[in-house]
């Protein structure tokens, strides 16, 4: 058998579900959307009371909404995301502030870290979108040290973003067999996924505010251009369905807008999860 033949045998075919998730989050430019809730992300980190030198992993870190405020507090922060374009933005943001954050591309379902490597593992609207929640849950537990904690922020089915995602799925259903990411916003589902590996699980329903300096119609346009799940949903539809989905989303953002000054301020509920690992 030749060396070339051996090389061909060693090649692992790309996992279609992983590639689908990667394609979703490399589409558009999520950084433009994430700016709208930076303040709430900072508040999430502040509640954790991180200590200087505490080892923190941000799973599905995106452009750094959690990783950067954690690093500002003096924590030793690592961030990982499936989308290389978002990691590049996070690196640029960290460099601009003179912060050191170890940032790399990788998959929440297969984290490249040793067992118990981190004291605190965080994820905001990130790991919930992995295609196989049983795998991502197992990885969150595995890389957190005994006595350490996992802190998650997950959209709830009844919150605004939950309603937005459900509206989108009505027009562009997810592939069969993939659980809704919104299940991570249901306490019983979280208990089923993390409870066996935790000594305690605590939950709090909180609100995060999306703030954009333009009206709701333009917000929908921004999501259509830059937010991967919305962008890909529109791309899968014919023109009449696109128009109908656009109108539904514009109505949703307008109904929930809390201001009337030409800007947008919308609050969405999420489930805050704190799991202390066995």
C-alpha atoms as a PDB file:
ATOM      1  CA  UNK A   1       0.000   0.000   0.000  1.00  0.00           C
ATOM      2  CA  UNK A   2       1.475   3.356  -0.990  1.00  0.00           C
ATOM      3  CA  UNK A   3       1.883   6.401   1.233  1.00  0.00           C
ATOM      4  CA  UNK A   4      -0.677   8.219  -0.922  1.00  0.00           C
ATOM      5  CA  UNK A   5      -3.183   5.423  -0.346  1.00  0.00           C
ATOM      6  CA  UNK A   6      -2.594   5.557   3.407  1.00  0.00           C
ATOM      7  CA  UNK A   7      -3.137   9.326   3.368  1.00  0.00           C
ATOM      8  CA  UNK A   8      -6.440   8.831   1.558  1.00  0.00           C
ATOM      9  CA  UNK A   9      -7.560   6.260   4.126  1.00  0.00           C
ATOM     10  CA  UNK A  10      -6.718   8.599   7.016  1.00  0.00           C
ATOM     11  CA  UNK A  11      -8.879  11.408   5.675  1.00  0.00           C
ATOM     12  CA  UNK A  12     -12.030  11.796   7.757  1.00  0.00           C
ATOM     13  CA  UNK A  13     -15.096  12.910   5.843  1.00  0.00           C
ATOM     14  CA  UNK A  14     -16.577  16.200   7.097  1.00  0.00           C
ATOM     15  CA  UNK A  15     -19.491  15.757   9.466  1.00  0.00           C
ATOM     16  CA  UNK A  16     -22.572  17.163   7.705  1.00  0.00           C
ATOM     17  CA  UNK A  17     -24.214  18.512  10.862  1.00  0.00           C
ATOM     18  CA  UNK A  18     -21.028  20.245  11.992  1.00  0.00           C
ATOM     19  CA  UNK A  19     -20.568  21.706   8.523  1.00  0.00           C
ATOM     20  CA  UNK A  20     -24.155  22.959   8.553  1.00  0.00           C
ATOM     21  CA  UNK A  21     -23.580  24.765  11.851  1.00  0.00           C
ATOM     22  CA  UNK A  22     -20.300  26.217  10.569  1.00  0.00           C
ATOM     23  CA  UNK A  23     -21.970  27.402   7.354  1.00  0.00           C
ATOM     24  CA  UNK A  24     -24.731  29.104   9.344  1.00  0.00           C
ATOM     25  CA  UNK A  25     -22.379  31.108  11.552  1.00  0.00           C
ATOM     26  CA  UNK A  26     -19.857  31.982   8.846  1.00  0.00           C
ATOM     27  CA  UNK A  27     -22.697  33.400   6.758  1.00  0.00           C
ATOM     28  CA  UNK A  28     -23.187  37.133   7.078  1.00  0.00           C
ATOM     29  CA  UNK A  29     -21.416  38.979   9.878  1.00  0.00           C
ATOM     30  CA  UNK A  30     -22.695  38.097  13.335  1.00  0.00           C
ATOM     31  CA  UNK A  31     -20.463  40.746  14.897  1.00  0.00           C
ATOM     32  CA  UNK A  32     -22.843  43.430  13.627  1.00  0.00           C
ATOM     33  CA  UNK A  33     -25.715  41.738  15.465  1.00  0.00           C
ATOM     34  CA  UNK A  34     -23.766  40.988  18.649  1.00  0.00           C
ATOM     35  CA  UNK A  35     -23.000  44.685  19.145  1.00  0.00           C
ATOM     36  CA  UNK A  36     -26.671  45.174  19.925  1.00  0.00           C
ATOM     37  CA  UNK A  37     -26.448  43.338  23.267  1.00  0.00           C
ATOM     38  CA  UNK A  38     -22.857  43.949  24.434  1.00  0.00           C
ATOM     39  CA  UNK A  39     -24.104  45.683  27.576  1.00  0.00           C
ATOM     40  CA  UNK A  40     -26.150  42.674  28.669  1.00  0.00           C
ATOM     41  CA  UNK A  41     -23.241  40.328  27.980  1.00  0.00           C
ATOM     42  CA  UNK A  42     -21.036  42.403  30.267  1.00  0.00           C
ATOM     43  CA  UNK A  43     -23.689  42.240  32.988  1.00  0.00           C
ATOM     44  CA  UNK A  44     -23.809  38.447  32.662  1.00  0.00           C
ATOM     45  CA  UNK A  45     -20.049  38.247  33.251  1.00  0.00           C
ATOM     46  CA  UNK A  46     -20.161  40.755  36.122  1.00  0.00           C
ATOM     47  CA  UNK A  47     -22.649  38.561  38.040  1.00  0.00           C
ATOM     48  CA  UNK A  48     -20.144  35.685  38.031  1.00  0.00           C
ATOM     49  CA  UNK A  49     -17.666  37.572  40.226  1.00  0.00           C
ATOM     50  CA  UNK A  50     -14.615  36.254  38.380  1.00  0.00           C
ATOM     51  CA  UNK A  51     -11.293  36.420  40.214  1.00  0.00           C
ATOM     52  CA  UNK A  52      -7.983  37.575  38.699  1.00  0.00           C
ATOM     53  CA  UNK A  53      -6.249  34.554  37.219  1.00  0.00           C
ATOM     54  CA  UNK A  54      -9.392  32.394  37.174  1.00  0.00           C
ATOM     55  CA  UNK A  55      -9.310  30.057  34.176  1.00  0.00           C
ATOM     56  CA  UNK A  56     -12.324  30.730  31.958  1.00  0.00           C
ATOM     57  CA  UNK A  57     -13.432  29.107  28.712  1.00  0.00           C
ATOM     58  CA  UNK A  58     -15.965  30.873  26.486  1.00  0.00           C
ATOM     59  CA  UNK A  59     -17.605  28.242  24.260  1.00  0.00           C
ATOM     60  CA  UNK A  60     -18.999  29.536  20.962  1.00  0.00           C
ATOM     61  CA  UNK A  61     -17.434  32.871  21.866  1.00  0.00           C
ATOM     62  CA  UNK A  62     -18.373  34.688  18.671  1.00  0.00           C
ATOM     63  CA  UNK A  63     -16.731  38.096  18.534  1.00  0.00           C
ATOM     64  CA  UNK A  64     -15.892  38.132  22.243  1.00  0.00           C
ATOM     65  CA  UNK A  65     -18.937  39.554  24.038  1.00  0.00           C
ATOM     66  CA  UNK A  66     -18.160  37.394  27.093  1.00  0.00           C
ATOM     67  CA  UNK A  67     -14.458  36.704  26.626  1.00  0.00           C
ATOM     68  CA  UNK A  68     -13.418  40.358  26.553  1.00  0.00           C
ATOM     69  CA  UNK A  69     -15.189  41.549  29.725  1.00  0.00           C
ATOM     70  CA  UNK A  70     -13.883  38.433  31.504  1.00  0.00           C
ATOM     71  CA  UNK A  71     -10.339  39.327  30.430  1.00  0.00           C
ATOM     72  CA  UNK A  72     -10.845  42.916  31.589  1.00  0.00           C
ATOM     73  CA  UNK A  73     -11.464  41.507  35.070  1.00  0.00           C
ATOM     74  CA  UNK A  74      -8.098  39.764  34.990  1.00  0.00           C
ATOM     75  CA  UNK A  75      -9.318  36.231  34.292  1.00  0.00           C
ATOM     76  CA  UNK A  76      -7.197  33.881  32.177  1.00  0.00           C
ATOM     77  CA  UNK A  77      -9.543  33.520  29.219  1.00  0.00           C
ATOM     78  CA  UNK A  78      -9.748  31.097  26.316  1.00  0.00           C
ATOM     79  CA  UNK A  79     -12.379  31.451  23.612  1.00  0.00           C
ATOM     80  CA  UNK A  80     -13.403  28.981  20.927  1.00  0.00           C
ATOM     81  CA  UNK A  81     -15.881  29.270  18.070  1.00  0.00           C
ATOM     82  CA  UNK A  82     -16.768  27.214  15.013  1.00  0.00           C
ATOM     83  CA  UNK A  83     -16.648  30.271  12.731  1.00  0.00           C
ATOM     84  CA  UNK A  84     -13.127  31.482  11.853  1.00  0.00           C
ATOM     85  CA  UNK A  85     -14.433  34.874  10.727  1.00  0.00           C
ATOM     86  CA  UNK A  86     -15.833  35.513  14.207  1.00  0.00           C
ATOM     87  CA  UNK A  87     -12.581  34.415  15.859  1.00  0.00           C
ATOM     88  CA  UNK A  88     -10.744  36.906  13.647  1.00  0.00           C
ATOM     89  CA  UNK A  89     -13.034  39.696  14.862  1.00  0.00           C
ATOM     90  CA  UNK A  90     -12.588  38.648  18.497  1.00  0.00           C
ATOM     91  CA  UNK A  91      -8.806  38.702  18.073  1.00  0.00           C
ATOM     92  CA  UNK A  92      -8.953  42.188  16.567  1.00  0.00           C
ATOM     93  CA  UNK A  93     -11.137  43.459  19.412  1.00  0.00           C
ATOM     94  CA  UNK A  94      -8.842  41.970  22.047  1.00  0.00           C
ATOM     95  CA  UNK A  95      -5.756  43.427  20.373  1.00  0.00           C
ATOM     96  CA  UNK A  96      -7.364  46.866  20.160  1.00  0.00           C
ATOM     97  CA  UNK A  97      -7.836  46.822  23.958  1.00  0.00           C
ATOM     98  CA  UNK A  98      -4.451  45.286  24.712  1.00  0.00           C
ATOM     99  CA  UNK A  99      -6.121  42.198  26.220  1.00  0.00           C
ATOM    100  CA  UNK A 100      -4.673  38.707  26.010  1.00  0.00           C
ATOM    101  CA  UNK A 101      -7.300  36.103  25.179  1.00  0.00           C
ATOM    102  CA  UNK A 102      -6.371  32.712  23.706  1.00  0.00           C
ATOM    103  CA  UNK A 103      -8.770  32.445  20.762  1.00  0.00           C
ATOM    104  CA  UNK A 104      -9.122  29.531  18.367  1.00  0.00           C
ATOM    105  CA  UNK A 105     -11.473  27.871  15.922  1.00  0.00           C
ATOM    106  CA  UNK A 106     -13.154  24.697  17.116  1.00  0.00           C
ATOM    107  CA  UNK A 107     -16.357  22.786  17.734  1.00  0.00           C
ATOM    108  CA  UNK A 108     -18.461  22.851  20.914  1.00  0.00           C
ATOM    109  CA  UNK A 109     -19.178  19.145  20.361  1.00  0.00           C
ATOM    110  CA  UNK A 110     -15.465  18.245  20.432  1.00  0.00           C
ATOM    111  CA  UNK A 111     -13.475  20.685  22.563  1.00  0.00           C
ATOM    112  CA  UNK A 112      -9.670  20.381  22.269  1.00  0.00           C
ATOM    113  CA  UNK A 113      -8.982  20.720  26.009  1.00  0.00           C
ATOM    114  CA  UNK A 114      -8.072  18.357  28.819  1.00  0.00           C
ATOM    115  CA  UNK A 115     -10.575  17.081  31.351  1.00  0.00           C
ATOM    116  CA  UNK A 116     -11.152  19.660  34.076  1.00  0.00           C
ATOM    117  CA  UNK A 117      -9.024  22.294  32.360  1.00  0.00           C
ATOM    118  CA  UNK A 118     -11.147  25.301  33.389  1.00  0.00           C
ATOM    119  CA  UNK A 119     -12.582  26.670  36.607  1.00  0.00           C
ATOM    120  CA  UNK A 120     -15.459  28.416  34.830  1.00  0.00           C
ATOM    121  CA  UNK A 121     -16.987  27.654  31.429  1.00  0.00           C
ATOM    122  CA  UNK A 122     -19.353  30.237  29.932  1.00  0.00           C
ATOM    123  CA  UNK A 123     -21.506  30.339  26.840  1.00  0.00           C
ATOM    124  CA  UNK A 124     -24.049  32.964  25.791  1.00  0.00           C
ATOM    125  CA  UNK A 125     -26.471  32.060  22.987  1.00  0.00           C
ATOM    126  CA  UNK A 126     -23.681  29.852  21.673  1.00  0.00           C
ATOM    127  CA  UNK A 127     -23.444  26.196  22.699  1.00  0.00           C
ATOM    128  CA  UNK A 128     -27.248  26.047  22.523  1.00  0.00           C
ATOM    129  CA  UNK A 129     -26.948  26.064  18.713  1.00  0.00           C
ATOM    130  CA  UNK A 130     -24.772  22.934  18.478  1.00  0.00           C
ATOM    131  CA  UNK A 131     -26.613  20.308  16.429  1.00  0.00           C
ATOM    132  CA  UNK A 132     -26.217  17.501  19.000  1.00  0.00           C
ATOM    133  CA  UNK A 133     -26.930  18.844  22.480  1.00  0.00           C
ATOM    134  CA  UNK A 134     -25.951  15.606  24.189  1.00  0.00           C
ATOM    135  CA  UNK A 135     -22.426  16.014  22.816  1.00  0.00           C
ATOM    136  CA  UNK A 136     -22.051  19.702  23.645  1.00  0.00           C
ATOM    137  CA  UNK A 137     -23.437  19.116  27.158  1.00  0.00           C
ATOM    138  CA  UNK A 138     -20.962  16.289  27.747  1.00  0.00           C
ATOM    139  CA  UNK A 139     -18.099  18.499  26.577  1.00  0.00           C
ATOM    140  CA  UNK A 140     -19.105  21.402  28.816  1.00  0.00           C
ATOM    141  CA  UNK A 141     -19.090  19.052  31.798  1.00  0.00           C
ATOM    142  CA  UNK A 142     -15.852  17.336  30.789  1.00  0.00           C
ATOM    143  CA  UNK A 143     -13.664  20.441  30.504  1.00  0.00           C
ATOM    144  CA  UNK A 144     -14.930  22.006  33.760  1.00  0.00           C
ATOM    145  CA  UNK A 145     -13.004  21.064  36.881  1.00  0.00           C
ATOM    146  CA  UNK A 146     -14.701  19.387  39.823  1.00  0.00           C
ATOM    147  CA  UNK A 147     -16.269  22.145  41.918  1.00  0.00           C
ATOM    148  CA  UNK A 148     -16.106  24.540  38.994  1.00  0.00           C
ATOM    149  CA  UNK A 149     -19.106  25.973  37.236  1.00  0.00           C
ATOM    150  CA  UNK A 150     -20.796  26.190  33.875  1.00  0.00           C
ATOM    151  CA  UNK A 151     -22.658  29.444  33.208  1.00  0.00           C
ATOM    152  CA  UNK A 152     -25.040  29.489  30.250  1.00  0.00           C
ATOM    153  CA  UNK A 153     -27.361  32.078  28.736  1.00  0.00           C
ATOM    154  CA  UNK A 154     -29.986  30.368  26.562  1.00  0.00           C
ATOM    155  CA  UNK A 155     -32.919  31.895  24.706  1.00  0.00           C
ATOM    156  CA  UNK A 156     -36.272  30.731  26.072  1.00  0.00           C
ATOM    157  CA  UNK A 157     -39.075  29.526  23.788  1.00  0.00           C
ATOM    158  CA  UNK A 158     -41.417  32.189  25.190  1.00  0.00           C
ATOM    159  CA  UNK A 159     -39.032  35.136  24.884  1.00  0.00           C
ATOM    160  CA  UNK A 160     -38.738  37.552  21.984  1.00  0.00           C
ATOM    161  CA  UNK A 161     -35.850  35.801  20.218  1.00  0.00           C
ATOM    162  CA  UNK A 162     -37.586  32.489  20.819  1.00  0.00           C
ATOM    163  CA  UNK A 163     -40.613  33.902  19.035  1.00  0.00           C
ATOM    164  CA  UNK A 164     -38.415  35.238  16.230  1.00  0.00           C
ATOM    165  CA  UNK A 165     -36.741  31.860  15.732  1.00  0.00           C
ATOM    166  CA  UNK A 166     -40.076  30.041  15.771  1.00  0.00           C
ATOM    167  CA  UNK A 167     -41.447  32.485  13.197  1.00  0.00           C
ATOM    168  CA  UNK A 168     -38.460  31.823  10.944  1.00  0.00           C
ATOM    169  CA  UNK A 169     -38.718  28.030  11.303  1.00  0.00           C
ATOM    170  CA  UNK A 170     -42.356  28.171  10.154  1.00  0.00           C
ATOM    171  CA  UNK A 171     -41.058  29.298   6.772  1.00  0.00           C
ATOM    172  CA  UNK A 172     -37.739  27.409   6.671  1.00  0.00           C
ATOM    173  CA  UNK A 173     -37.930  24.301   8.888  1.00  0.00           C
ATOM    174  CA  UNK A 174     -34.781  22.796  10.354  1.00  0.00           C
ATOM    175  CA  UNK A 175     -33.664  19.393   9.027  1.00  0.00           C
ATOM    176  CA  UNK A 176     -35.461  16.435  10.560  1.00  0.00           C
ATOM    177  CA  UNK A 177     -33.882  15.003  13.670  1.00  0.00           C
ATOM    178  CA  UNK A 178     -32.154  18.160  14.920  1.00  0.00           C
ATOM    179  CA  UNK A 179     -33.614  19.322  18.259  1.00  0.00           C
ATOM    180  CA  UNK A 180     -34.681  22.925  18.564  1.00  0.00           C
ATOM    181  CA  UNK A 181     -31.946  25.036  20.180  1.00  0.00           C
ATOM    182  CA  UNK A 182     -34.717  26.599  22.266  1.00  0.00           C
ATOM    183  CA  UNK A 183     -34.895  23.411  24.322  1.00  0.00           C
ATOM    184  CA  UNK A 184     -31.809  24.773  26.124  1.00  0.00           C
ATOM    185  CA  UNK A 185     -34.114  27.490  27.462  1.00  0.00           C
ATOM    186  CA  UNK A 186     -36.350  24.944  29.250  1.00  0.00           C
ATOM    187  CA  UNK A 187     -35.291  24.032  32.792  1.00  0.00           C
ATOM    188  CA  UNK A 188     -36.282  20.362  32.568  1.00  0.00           C
ATOM    189  CA  UNK A 189     -34.247  19.943  29.386  1.00  0.00           C
ATOM    190  CA  UNK A 190     -31.193  21.507  31.016  1.00  0.00           C
ATOM    191  CA  UNK A 191     -31.582  19.198  34.027  1.00  0.00           C
ATOM    192  CA  UNK A 192     -31.730  16.190  31.715  1.00  0.00           C
ATOM    193  CA  UNK A 193     -28.565  17.276  29.902  1.00  0.00           C
ATOM    194  CA  UNK A 194     -26.397  18.573  32.742  1.00  0.00           C
ATOM    195  CA  UNK A 195     -27.952  17.315  35.966  1.00  0.00           C
ATOM    196  CA  UNK A 196     -26.106  13.995  36.103  1.00  0.00           C
ATOM    197  CA  UNK A 197     -22.773  15.811  36.116  1.00  0.00           C
ATOM    198  CA  UNK A 198     -23.649  18.621  38.526  1.00  0.00           C
ATOM    199  CA  UNK A 199     -23.938  18.904  42.277  1.00  0.00           C
ATOM    200  CA  UNK A 200     -26.309  21.839  41.846  1.00  0.00           C
ATOM    201  CA  UNK A 201     -28.226  23.597  39.099  1.00  0.00           C
ATOM    202  CA  UNK A 202     -29.695  27.068  39.559  1.00  0.00           C
ATOM    203  CA  UNK A 203     -31.850  28.975  37.106  1.00  0.00           C
ATOM    204  CA  UNK A 204     -32.870  32.586  36.649  1.00  0.00           C
ATOM    205  CA  UNK A 205     -34.994  34.130  33.926  1.00  0.00           C
ATOM    206  CA  UNK A 206     -33.425  37.383  32.824  1.00  0.00           C
ATOM    207  CA  UNK A 207     -33.913  40.019  30.161  1.00  0.00           C
ATOM    208  CA  UNK A 208     -31.306  41.261  27.734  1.00  0.00           C
ATOM    209  CA  UNK A 209     -31.808  44.378  25.644  1.00  0.00           C
ATOM    210  CA  UNK A 210     -31.119  44.727  21.938  1.00  0.00           C
ATOM    211  CA  UNK A 211     -30.269  48.336  21.119  1.00  0.00           C
ATOM    212  CA  UNK A 212     -29.851  49.554  17.549  1.00  0.00           C
ATOM    213  CA  UNK A 213     -29.637  53.138  16.263  1.00  0.00           C
ATOM    214  CA  UNK A 214     -32.281  52.602  13.578  1.00  0.00           C
ATOM    215  CA  UNK A 215     -35.933  51.616  13.338  1.00  0.00           C
ATOM    216  CA  UNK A 216     -37.260  48.021  13.466  1.00  0.00           C
ATOM    217  CA  UNK A 217     -37.605  47.711   9.701  1.00  0.00           C
ATOM    218  CA  UNK A 218     -33.882  48.343   9.337  1.00  0.00           C
ATOM    219  CA  UNK A 219     -33.144  45.899  12.178  1.00  0.00           C
ATOM    220  CA  UNK A 220     -34.882  43.157  10.191  1.00  0.00           C
ATOM    221  CA  UNK A 221     -32.841  44.153   7.153  1.00  0.00           C
ATOM    222  CA  UNK A 222     -29.657  43.886   9.226  1.00  0.00           C
ATOM    223  CA  UNK A 223     -30.622  40.441  10.522  1.00  0.00           C
ATOM    224  CA  UNK A 224     -31.450  39.354   6.977  1.00  0.00           C
ATOM    225  CA  UNK A 225     -28.022  40.471   5.776  1.00  0.00           C
ATOM    226  CA  UNK A 226     -25.808  39.547   8.723  1.00  0.00           C
ATOM    227  CA  UNK A 227     -27.423  37.020  11.123  1.00  0.00           C
ATOM    228  CA  UNK A 228     -26.607  33.538   9.826  1.00  0.00           C
ATOM    229  CA  UNK A 229     -29.857  31.728  10.742  1.00  0.00           C
ATOM    230  CA  UNK A 230     -32.014  34.508   9.277  1.00  0.00           C
ATOM    231  CA  UNK A 231     -29.827  34.977   6.204  1.00  0.00           C
ATOM    232  CA  UNK A 232     -29.908  31.265   5.371  1.00  0.00           C
ATOM    233  CA  UNK A 233     -33.658  31.040   5.968  1.00  0.00           C
ATOM    234  CA  UNK A 234     -34.346  33.839   3.490  1.00  0.00           C
ATOM    235  CA  UNK A 235     -31.967  32.273   0.965  1.00  0.00           C
ATOM    236  CA  UNK A 236     -33.979  29.037   1.050  1.00  0.00           C
ATOM    237  CA  UNK A 237     -37.321  30.734   0.216  1.00  0.00           C
ATOM    238  CA  UNK A 238     -38.971  31.921  -2.960  1.00  0.00           C
ATOM    239  CA  UNK A 239     -39.788  35.603  -3.315  1.00  0.00           C
ATOM    240  CA  UNK A 240     -43.406  35.511  -2.025  1.00  0.00           C
ATOM    241  CA  UNK A 241     -42.317  33.587   1.085  1.00  0.00           C
ATOM    242  CA  UNK A 242     -39.428  36.002   1.639  1.00  0.00           C
ATOM    243  CA  UNK A 243     -41.824  38.940   1.544  1.00  0.00           C
ATOM    244  CA  UNK A 244     -44.173  37.226   3.986  1.00  0.00           C
ATOM    245  CA  UNK A 245     -41.371  36.353   6.419  1.00  0.00           C
ATOM    246  CA  UNK A 246     -39.979  39.878   6.194  1.00  0.00           C
ATOM    247  CA  UNK A 247     -43.370  41.373   7.051  1.00  0.00           C
ATOM    248  CA  UNK A 248     -43.836  38.990   9.973  1.00  0.00           C
ATOM    249  CA  UNK A 249     -40.412  39.863  11.393  1.00  0.00           C
ATOM    250  CA  UNK A 250     -40.950  43.594  10.906  1.00  0.00           C
ATOM    251  CA  UNK A 251     -44.279  43.326  12.743  1.00  0.00           C
ATOM    252  CA  UNK A 252     -42.615  41.365  15.563  1.00  0.00           C
ATOM    253  CA  UNK A 253     -39.796  43.869  16.077  1.00  0.00           C
ATOM    254  CA  UNK A 254     -42.187  46.816  15.842  1.00  0.00           C
ATOM    255  CA  UNK A 255     -44.635  45.340  18.364  1.00  0.00           C
ATOM    256  CA  UNK A 256     -41.864  44.773  20.911  1.00  0.00           C
ATOM    257  CA  UNK A 257     -40.002  48.041  20.360  1.00  0.00           C
ATOM    258  CA  UNK A 258     -39.956  50.031  23.602  1.00  0.00           C
ATOM    259  CA  UNK A 259     -39.099  53.420  22.059  1.00  0.00           C
ATOM    260  CA  UNK A 260     -40.607  55.648  19.383  1.00  0.00           C
ATOM    261  CA  UNK A 261     -37.661  57.851  18.433  1.00  0.00           C
ATOM    262  CA  UNK A 262     -36.531  56.151  15.229  1.00  0.00           C
ATOM    263  CA  UNK A 263     -34.296  53.682  17.058  1.00  0.00           C
ATOM    264  CA  UNK A 264     -34.933  50.156  18.348  1.00  0.00           C
ATOM    265  CA  UNK A 265     -34.882  48.879  21.920  1.00  0.00           C
ATOM    266  CA  UNK A 266     -36.256  45.356  22.347  1.00  0.00           C
ATOM    267  CA  UNK A 267     -35.914  43.084  25.360  1.00  0.00           C
ATOM    268  CA  UNK A 268     -35.728  39.312  25.145  1.00  0.00           C
ATOM    269  CA  UNK A 269     -35.914  36.734  27.903  1.00  0.00           C
ATOM    270  CA  UNK A 270     -33.175  34.174  28.413  1.00  0.00           C
ATOM    271  CA  UNK A 271     -32.557  31.394  30.916  1.00  0.00           C
ATOM    272  CA  UNK A 272     -29.432  31.863  32.989  1.00  0.00           C
ATOM    273  CA  UNK A 273     -28.045  28.502  34.064  1.00  0.00           C
ATOM    274  CA  UNK A 274     -25.346  27.986  36.711  1.00  0.00           C
ATOM    275  CA  UNK A 275     -24.197  24.383  37.084  1.00  0.00           C
ATOM    276  CA  UNK A 276     -21.650  23.403  39.749  1.00  0.00           C
ATOM    277  CA  UNK A 277     -19.790  20.389  38.390  1.00  0.00           C
ATOM    278  CA  UNK A 278     -19.255  17.175  40.390  1.00  0.00           C
END
